[in-house]
Amino acid sequence: MKKIVLSGLCLIILLGQPGYAQWTPQNSGVSTPLNDLYFLNADTGFCIGSNGTLLKTTNGGSNWMHIPSNSTANFQSLYFMNSQTGWICGYGSAYQTNDGGNTLIKLDSVFGDTDTSRHLIISNIIGAKDNKVILSGFFSDVPQTGNQATHCVITTDGGISWQPFNVPDTFGASGYVQFVSPTVLYSAGFFLYKSEDGGISWTQVPNIMFGFPPLNWRCFKIFDTAGNGWASLQYEINFATLNNINDTLSISDPGIRWLVSANFENNTSYFLQSNYPNGFKIFKSTDKGHTLDLISENTHNGYWRLYFLSDSLGYVCGDSGRILKYNIQQTAVSNVPLTSKINIFPNPTTNTIYLQYDNLHIRNLQLIDLSGRLITSFSAESKSLDVSGVAAGLYFLQIKAKEGEVAEKVEIR
């Protein structure tokens, strides 16, 4: 039995194609896999990928500039503290740029490995905030004969100087680090650790053990010094579930799995869920991961990383040089009272939505999904809308009238 839940939205008209959310393909100019994104603001962002791919936009994705990196490394993680200074890591050397990516400086020597028989094969960003960055480097000989070492270093001055950094090691894996305050840090690997002296010493948090470490440094979040937070945990390949640390690792929603990427803007968390072979979904949480709300979904596959700046602006990247931009452009309409003139019922309903109104001149009725795709149109004169053939999910019921426009968010179950 289907039922529909209606929730009134702020009365807005969204510009562009019919619908309320637009996923726009970006021209990256490359065909290599793209592995991560980082945005400083709505205009300036960076994207990295295989074979030393480094892309930059300064106009919100309208153009992506390919910056020659002179590297063939498989770039996996990046962080920029401003438009000029940033760090890029992956399978191969670690790099720093002080000129917006135009010049990449190798950082192999900052790890302090003096054994010339070893070389850096994997580097990673394991924590970053403002001008503080923690890098890990895994050194090994070729072929591997046990002559291996992992080194972690930190900069607290934006890369001017580097010092060795002590990160808890659990089963050979350095944990990802979250800066909560200047002195309070947390580290998540297979276990959760806390430092109250800026990382000089660490204490294991009792009764918490992760099945697998977080997917990357952006998939681990502690919200306060008391340790409230969550971790997106990896299980096998690209499989992740959302676990609340402060709830003894209880999964927030057992139905929301395959979370493959996350990022944070202030107190809002954004998540990318692989819904293969049916595309992907974007969720957000404003209550420290307890509940997740669906923002949008898309039917395209092969996207593995996201960076969202707000509910109405974000990007995803993935296979074959593909980047999608999510954007909602909106302006308020003057006829706000229109929403109070239309009654939509019943709730729940089995197959039909009914409209009740007087003295309105309806011109257009459409049902649109969260990606902006038109699902079906109804006769403008109809006050009985048949939804019996519509798949379960979230939609917008768009009502255009001579007196104005209104959008109602509907959930068909």
Protein backbone atom coordinates (compact mmCIF):
# COMPACT_ATOMS: atom_id res chain seq x y z
CA MET A 1 0.00 0.00 0.00
CA LYS A 2 1.35 3.38 -1.01
CA LYS A 3 1.13 6.38 1.18
CA ILE A 4 2.16 9.92 0.51
CA VAL A 5 3.56 12.37 3.04
CA LEU A 6 3.31 16.05 2.22
CA SER A 7 5.54 18.72 3.68
CA GLY A 8 5.13 22.37 2.82
CA LEU A 9 8.21 24.04 1.41
CA CYS A 10 9.19 27.64 1.39
CA LEU A 11 7.51 28.96 -1.72
CA ILE A 12 10.26 29.21 -4.25
CA ILE A 13 10.67 29.19 -7.97
CA LEU A 14 13.78 27.42 -9.15
CA LEU A 15 15.39 28.68 -12.28
CA GLY A 16 16.68 26.63 -15.19
CA GLN A 17 15.22 23.39 -16.49
CA PRO A 18 11.92 22.10 -15.09
CA GLY A 19 12.46 20.82 -11.59
CA TYR A 20 14.28 22.05 -8.55
CA ALA A 21 17.70 20.50 -8.67
CA GLN A 22 20.06 20.46 -11.61
CA TRP A 23 22.90 17.99 -12.09
CA THR A 24 25.10 19.52 -14.78
CA PRO A 25 27.99 17.60 -16.41
CA GLN A 26 31.26 19.53 -16.21
CA ASN A 27 33.88 19.50 -18.93
CA SER A 28 36.97 18.26 -17.11
CA GLY A 29 39.02 17.86 -20.30
CA VAL A 30 40.45 14.53 -19.10
CA SER A 31 39.39 10.88 -19.29
CA THR A 32 41.37 9.50 -16.35
CA PRO A 33 39.59 8.45 -13.13
CA LEU A 34 39.06 11.37 -10.76
CA ASN A 35 39.56 10.47 -7.10
CA ASP A 36 38.81 13.51 -4.94
CA LEU A 37 37.53 17.09 -4.80
CA TYR A 38 38.16 20.03 -2.50
CA PHE A 39 36.47 23.44 -2.62
CA LEU A 40 37.47 26.58 -0.77
CA ASN A 41 34.32 28.46 -1.72
CA ALA A 42 31.63 28.51 -4.40
CA ASP A 43 34.14 29.59 -7.06
CA THR A 44 37.49 27.97 -6.28
CA GLY A 45 38.00 24.22 -6.22
CA PHE A 46 40.46 21.48 -7.10
CA CYS A 47 40.08 17.93 -8.40
CA ILE A 48 42.72 15.19 -8.57
CA GLY A 49 42.99 11.79 -10.22
CA SER A 50 45.15 9.11 -11.75
CA ASN A 51 48.33 9.74 -13.75
CA GLY A 52 49.08 12.95 -11.89
CA THR A 53 45.82 14.62 -12.90
CA LEU A 54 45.31 18.02 -11.26
CA LEU A 55 42.36 20.25 -12.19
CA LYS A 56 41.37 23.67 -10.91
CA THR A 57 38.33 25.91 -11.31
CA THR A 58 38.02 29.55 -10.30
CA ASN A 59 34.49 30.09 -11.64
CA GLY A 60 32.39 27.44 -9.97
CA GLY A 61 33.07 24.68 -12.47
CA SER A 62 32.24 26.63 -15.63
CA ASN A 63 35.83 25.92 -16.68
CA TRP A 64 38.27 23.36 -15.35
CA MET A 65 41.94 24.08 -16.01
CA HIS A 66 44.31 21.15 -16.38
CA ILE A 67 47.52 21.93 -14.51
CA PRO A 68 50.55 19.85 -15.58
CA SER A 69 51.87 18.15 -12.45
CA ASN A 70 54.94 16.47 -14.00
CA SER A 71 53.89 13.38 -12.04
CA THR A 72 52.42 10.02 -12.98
CA ALA A 73 51.30 9.31 -9.42
CA ASN A 74 47.79 8.14 -8.65
CA PHE A 75 46.61 11.12 -6.60
CA GLN A 76 44.12 10.11 -3.89
CA SER A 77 43.75 12.89 -1.29
CA LEU A 78 44.09 16.66 -1.19
CA TYR A 79 43.61 19.63 1.10
CA PHE A 80 43.96 23.37 0.47
CA MET A 81 44.14 25.85 3.33
CA ASN A 82 43.73 28.77 0.89
CA SER A 83 43.78 29.44 -2.86
CA GLN A 84 47.58 29.16 -3.00
CA THR A 85 48.76 26.59 -0.44
CA GLY A 86 47.70 22.96 -0.55
CA TRP A 87 48.80 19.34 -0.35
CA ILE A 88 48.28 16.36 -2.65
CA CYS A 89 49.04 12.74 -1.78
CA GLY A 90 48.55 9.27 -3.26
CA TYR A 91 50.46 6.30 -4.60
CA GLY A 92 53.86 7.87 -4.91
CA SER A 93 55.30 11.12 -3.63
CA ALA A 94 53.58 13.68 -1.43
CA TYR A 95 53.41 17.21 -2.78
CA GLN A 96 52.91 20.77 -1.58
CA THR A 97 52.00 23.78 -3.70
CA ASN A 98 52.40 27.42 -2.74
CA ASP A 99 51.09 28.92 -5.97
CA GLY A 100 47.64 27.42 -6.48
CA GLY A 101 48.86 24.15 -7.98
CA ASN A 102 51.08 25.57 -10.72
CA THR A 103 54.19 24.18 -9.03
CA LEU A 104 54.27 20.95 -7.02
CA ILE A 105 57.09 20.48 -4.53
CA LYS A 106 58.00 16.93 -3.48
CA LEU A 107 57.84 16.36 0.25
CA ASP A 108 59.53 12.95 0.46
CA SER A 109 62.39 14.33 2.55
CA VAL A 110 60.16 15.73 5.32
CA PHE A 111 59.27 12.21 6.47
CA GLY A 112 62.81 11.71 7.72
CA ASP A 113 63.37 8.19 6.40
CA THR A 114 67.15 7.90 6.06
CA ASP A 115 67.26 4.32 4.78
CA THR A 116 68.25 4.76 1.13
CA SER A 117 67.08 1.21 0.31
CA ARG A 118 63.49 2.33 0.86
CA HIS A 119 61.37 4.69 -1.16
CA LEU A 120 58.01 6.34 -0.61
CA ILE A 121 55.28 4.27 -2.24
CA ILE A 122 52.14 5.59 -0.51
CA SER A 123 51.48 8.99 1.02
CA ASN A 124 48.25 10.16 2.60
CA ILE A 125 46.64 13.13 4.30
CA ILE A 126 45.41 11.83 7.65
CA GLY A 127 44.28 15.10 9.23
CA ALA A 128 43.92 18.77 8.33
CA LYS A 129 42.47 21.95 9.77
CA ASP A 130 43.39 25.54 8.91
CA ASN A 131 47.22 25.65 8.68
CA LYS A 132 47.67 22.29 10.42
CA VAL A 133 48.24 19.25 8.21
CA ILE A 134 49.29 15.70 9.11
CA LEU A 135 50.78 13.44 6.45
CA SER A 136 51.69 9.77 6.58
CA GLY A 137 54.26 8.11 4.36
CA PHE A 138 54.78 4.40 3.83
CA PHE A 139 58.29 3.43 2.76
CA SER A 140 59.31 0.04 1.42
CA ASP A 141 62.06 -1.57 -0.62
CA VAL A 142 61.53 -3.32 -3.96
CA PRO A 143 60.89 -6.18 -3.84
CA GLN A 144 59.42 -6.01 -0.36
CA THR A 145 61.53 -8.04 2.07
CA GLY A 146 60.25 -6.67 5.33
CA ASN A 147 62.30 -3.48 5.08
CA GLN A 148 59.33 -1.16 5.63
CA ALA A 149 58.47 1.86 7.70
CA THR A 150 55.59 4.30 8.19
CA HIS A 151 56.34 7.89 9.17
CA CYS A 152 53.91 10.67 10.12
CA VAL A 153 54.72 14.38 10.11
CA ILE A 154 52.82 17.53 11.00
CA THR A 155 53.01 21.16 10.01
CA THR A 156 51.37 23.84 12.15
CA ASP A 157 52.54 26.77 10.03
CA GLY A 158 51.14 25.97 6.62
CA GLY A 159 54.03 23.85 5.41
CA ILE A 160 56.94 26.13 6.32
CA SER A 161 58.29 23.53 8.73
CA TRP A 162 57.55 19.88 9.53
CA GLN A 163 58.03 17.79 12.66
CA PRO A 164 57.56 14.09 13.39
CA PHE A 165 54.09 13.33 14.69
CA ASN A 166 53.04 10.47 16.91
CA VAL A 167 49.84 8.83 15.62
CA PRO A 168 48.47 5.73 17.37
CA ASP A 169 49.30 2.61 15.40
CA THR A 170 46.71 -0.16 15.44
CA PHE A 171 47.42 -3.35 13.53
CA GLY A 172 49.92 -1.50 11.37
CA ALA A 173 47.51 1.28 10.37
CA SER A 174 47.94 4.92 11.37
CA GLY A 175 44.65 6.43 12.40
CA TYR A 176 42.95 9.45 10.86
CA VAL A 177 43.12 12.54 13.05
CA GLN A 178 40.39 15.04 13.87
CA PHE A 179 41.33 18.42 15.37
CA VAL A 180 38.64 19.36 17.91
CA SER A 181 40.54 22.16 19.67
CA PRO A 182 44.16 23.36 19.72
CA THR A 183 44.98 20.67 22.26
CA VAL A 184 42.25 18.02 21.92
CA LEU A 185 42.62 15.56 19.05
CA TYR A 186 41.00 12.22 18.21
CA SER A 187 42.40 9.46 16.06
CA ALA A 188 40.39 6.65 14.46
CA GLY A 189 41.98 3.54 13.04
CA PHE A 190 40.81 0.17 14.27
CA PHE A 191 40.35 1.84 17.67
CA LEU A 192 39.55 5.35 18.86
CA TYR A 193 42.22 7.36 20.68
CA LYS A 194 42.16 10.78 22.35
CA SER A 195 44.95 13.27 22.98
CA GLU A 196 44.64 16.27 25.28
CA ASP A 197 48.13 17.64 24.70
CA GLY A 198 48.11 18.28 20.96
CA GLY A 199 49.10 14.75 19.96
CA ILE A 200 52.11 14.23 22.23
CA SER A 201 50.40 11.39 24.08
CA TRP A 202 47.31 9.33 23.34
CA THR A 203 44.81 7.37 25.43
CA GLN A 204 42.58 4.70 23.99
CA VAL A 205 38.86 5.40 24.35
CA PRO A 206 37.37 2.29 25.99
CA ASN A 207 34.70 0.05 24.49
CA ILE A 208 35.11 1.26 20.90
CA MET A 209 36.57 -0.92 18.17
CA PHE A 210 36.05 -0.36 14.46
CA GLY A 211 35.71 -3.26 12.07
CA PHE A 212 37.72 -1.24 9.57
CA PRO A 213 39.29 2.23 9.64
CA PRO A 214 37.41 5.18 8.09
CA LEU A 215 37.54 5.42 4.32
CA ASN A 216 39.65 8.60 4.41
CA TRP A 217 40.37 11.65 6.57
CA ARG A 218 37.11 13.33 5.52
CA CYS A 219 35.06 10.28 6.57
CA PHE A 220 35.83 10.73 10.25
CA LYS A 221 34.27 13.43 12.41
CA ILE A 222 34.33 14.31 16.09
CA PHE A 223 32.06 17.21 16.99
CA ASP A 224 33.21 18.12 20.49
CA THR A 225 35.81 17.43 23.16
CA ALA A 226 33.54 14.83 24.77
CA GLY A 227 34.02 12.59 21.75
CA ASN A 228 30.59 12.83 20.15
CA GLY A 229 30.90 11.98 16.50
CA TRP A 230 30.68 9.38 13.81
CA ALA A 231 32.88 7.42 11.44
CA SER A 232 32.12 6.09 7.99
CA LEU A 233 33.66 2.66 8.16
CA GLN A 234 35.01 0.59 5.31
CA TYR A 235 34.03 -3.02 4.83
CA GLU A 236 35.61 -4.79 1.87
CA ILE A 237 35.63 -2.51 -1.21
CA ASN A 238 33.67 0.74 -1.15
CA PHE A 239 31.22 -0.64 1.40
CA ALA A 240 30.53 1.60 4.35
CA THR A 241 27.98 2.14 7.06
CA LEU A 242 27.42 5.19 9.20
CA ASN A 243 28.29 4.54 12.82
CA ASN A 244 27.80 6.90 15.74
CA ILE A 245 30.77 6.81 18.09
CA ASN A 246 28.77 8.37 20.90
CA ASP A 247 26.10 5.67 20.52
CA THR A 248 28.58 2.79 20.81
CA LEU A 249 28.80 2.47 17.04
CA SER A 250 25.11 1.99 16.40
CA ILE A 251 24.20 2.35 12.74
CA SER A 252 22.02 5.43 12.29
CA ASP A 253 19.86 3.88 9.58
CA PRO A 254 20.33 0.20 8.72
CA GLY A 255 18.87 0.89 5.27
CA ILE A 256 21.53 3.45 4.34
CA ARG A 257 24.63 1.53 3.32
CA TRP A 258 27.39 1.87 0.72
CA LEU A 259 28.41 5.33 1.89
CA VAL A 260 31.58 6.04 -0.08
CA SER A 261 32.35 9.69 0.64
CA ALA A 262 31.62 12.46 3.11
CA ASN A 263 32.43 16.08 3.87
CA PHE A 264 31.41 18.72 6.40
CA GLU A 265 30.35 22.34 6.24
CA ASN A 266 29.96 23.80 9.71
CA ASN A 267 27.62 21.41 11.58
CA THR A 268 26.17 19.80 8.45
CA SER A 269 27.48 16.47 7.17
CA TYR A 270 27.07 15.38 3.55
CA PHE A 271 27.28 11.81 2.30
CA LEU A 272 27.53 10.13 -1.09
CA GLN A 273 25.83 6.75 -1.33
CA SER A 274 26.59 4.42 -4.21
CA ASN A 275 23.28 2.98 -5.37
CA TYR A 276 24.78 0.88 -8.18
CA PRO A 277 23.42 -0.04 -10.70
CA ASN A 278 20.81 2.67 -10.12
CA GLY A 279 23.13 5.67 -9.73
CA PHE A 280 23.84 7.47 -6.46
CA LYS A 281 22.16 9.45 -3.69
CA ILE A 282 23.20 12.47 -1.62
CA PHE A 283 22.26 12.61 2.07
CA LYS A 284 22.83 15.18 4.77
CA SER A 285 22.77 15.15 8.55
CA THR A 286 22.38 18.10 10.89
CA ASP A 287 22.19 16.08 14.13
CA LYS A 288 25.65 14.49 14.28
CA GLY A 289 24.74 11.53 12.11
CA HIS A 290 21.65 10.35 14.00
CA THR A 291 19.33 10.91 11.06
CA LEU A 292 20.04 11.32 7.36
CA ASP A 293 17.85 13.30 4.97
CA LEU A 294 17.88 12.66 1.24
CA ILE A 295 18.89 15.79 -0.71
CA SER A 296 19.01 14.41 -4.23
CA GLU A 297 19.55 11.33 -6.34
CA ASN A 298 20.93 10.66 -9.80
CA THR A 299 20.68 7.68 -12.13
CA HIS A 300 24.30 7.80 -13.36
CA ASN A 301 26.91 5.38 -12.01
CA GLY A 302 30.64 5.61 -11.39
CA TYR A 303 30.79 8.58 -8.99
CA TRP A 304 32.78 7.99 -5.80
CA ARG A 305 33.67 11.32 -4.18
CA LEU A 306 31.68 14.42 -3.27
CA TYR A 307 32.23 17.91 -1.99
CA PHE A 308 29.11 19.84 -0.96
CA LEU A 309 29.28 23.45 0.16
CA SER A 310 25.57 23.67 1.03
CA ASP A 311 22.25 21.94 0.43
CA SER A 312 22.02 23.72 -2.91
CA LEU A 313 25.61 23.50 -4.22
CA GLY A 314 27.93 20.54 -4.55
CA TYR A 315 30.04 18.37 -6.83
CA VAL A 316 30.74 14.68 -7.39
CA CYS A 317 33.55 13.11 -9.41
CA GLY A 318 34.43 9.63 -10.56
CA ASP A 319 35.33 7.39 -13.47
CA SER A 320 36.53 8.55 -16.89
CA GLY A 321 37.14 12.17 -15.94
CA ARG A 322 33.53 12.82 -15.02
CA ILE A 323 32.40 15.67 -12.78
CA LEU A 324 28.80 16.60 -12.00
CA LYS A 325 27.71 19.87 -10.44
CA TYR A 326 24.58 20.03 -8.29
CA ASN A 327 23.02 23.44 -8.17
CA ILE A 328 19.72 24.95 -7.08
CA GLN A 329 19.17 28.53 -8.12
CA GLN A 330 16.20 30.03 -6.44
CA THR A 331 14.35 33.30 -6.05
CA ALA A 332 11.41 34.01 -3.82
CA VAL A 333 8.06 34.69 -5.49
CA SER A 334 5.83 37.43 -4.34
CA ASN A 335 2.64 35.39 -4.06
CA VAL A 336 3.53 33.44 -0.92
CA PRO A 337 -0.14 33.01 0.23
CA LEU A 338 -0.81 30.69 -2.73
CA THR A 339 0.33 27.67 -0.71
CA SER A 340 -2.42 28.28 1.85
CA LYS A 341 -5.07 28.36 -0.88
CA ILE A 342 -4.46 24.76 -1.99
CA ASN A 343 -5.35 21.73 0.09
CA ILE A 344 -3.66 18.47 -0.93
CA PHE A 345 -5.04 15.26 0.52
CA PRO A 346 -5.48 12.58 1.80
CA ASN A 347 -2.53 11.51 3.85
CA PRO A 348 -1.92 8.63 3.50
CA THR A 349 -3.26 7.80 0.07
CA THR A 350 -3.31 4.64 -1.97
CA ASN A 351 -3.29 5.74 -5.60
CA THR A 352 -4.59 9.27 -5.86
CA ILE A 353 -3.68 12.78 -4.75
CA TYR A 354 -6.61 15.19 -4.47
CA LEU A 355 -6.42 18.97 -4.84
CA GLN A 356 -8.95 21.32 -3.29
CA TYR A 357 -8.99 25.03 -4.10
CA ASP A 358 -11.25 27.89 -5.16
CA ASN A 359 -10.73 30.87 -7.45
CA LEU A 360 -7.33 29.73 -8.76
CA HIS A 361 -6.38 29.43 -12.41
CA ILE A 362 -4.10 26.37 -12.59
CA ARG A 363 -1.97 26.28 -15.73
CA ASN A 364 0.35 23.35 -15.15
CA LEU A 365 0.69 20.32 -12.83
CA GLN A 366 3.87 18.21 -12.85
CA LEU A 367 5.50 15.55 -10.70
CA ILE A 368 9.30 15.85 -10.70
CA ASP A 369 11.98 13.79 -8.99
CA LEU A 370 14.82 15.19 -6.90
CA SER A 371 17.23 15.26 -9.84
CA GLY A 372 14.91 17.56 -11.79
CA ARG A 373 13.56 14.86 -14.11
CA LEU A 374 9.93 15.12 -15.15
CA ILE A 375 8.04 12.00 -14.02
CA THR A 376 4.56 12.81 -15.22
CA SER A 377 2.24 15.69 -16.07
CA PHE A 378 -1.41 16.06 -15.17
CA SER A 379 -4.26 17.95 -16.76
CA ALA A 380 -4.32 21.52 -15.47
CA GLU A 381 -8.02 21.18 -14.71
CA SER A 382 -7.65 17.93 -12.80
CA LYS A 383 -8.22 17.84 -9.06
CA SER A 384 -7.62 14.08 -8.90
CA LEU A 385 -4.06 13.03 -9.68
CA ASP A 386 -3.35 9.36 -10.37
CA VAL A 387 0.02 8.26 -8.90
CA SER A 388 -0.63 4.53 -8.91
CA GLY A 389 2.12 3.94 -11.47
CA VAL A 390 4.78 6.06 -9.79
CA ALA A 391 7.66 4.31 -8.04
CA ALA A 392 8.18 4.88 -4.33
CA GLY A 393 10.40 7.82 -3.49
CA LEU A 394 10.60 11.56 -2.89
CA TYR A 395 9.18 13.98 -5.46
CA PHE A 396 8.10 17.57 -5.99
CA LEU A 397 4.54 18.35 -7.00
CA GLN A 398 4.88 21.53 -9.04
CA ILE A 399 1.76 23.65 -9.33
CA LYS A 400 1.82 26.66 -11.63
CA ALA A 401 -1.10 29.04 -11.57
CA LYS A 402 -1.93 32.50 -12.84
CA GLU A 403 -1.69 33.61 -9.24
CA GLY A 404 1.81 32.20 -8.70
CA GLU A 405 3.70 28.93 -8.25
CA VAL A 406 4.06 26.48 -5.40
CA ALA A 407 6.11 23.33 -4.81
CA GLU A 408 5.12 20.60 -2.40
CA LYS A 409 7.58 17.88 -1.48
CA VAL A 410 5.89 14.49 -1.58
CA GLU A 411 6.99 11.04 -0.55
CA ILE A 412 5.33 8.07 -2.21
CA ARG A 413 5.79 4.80 -0.41
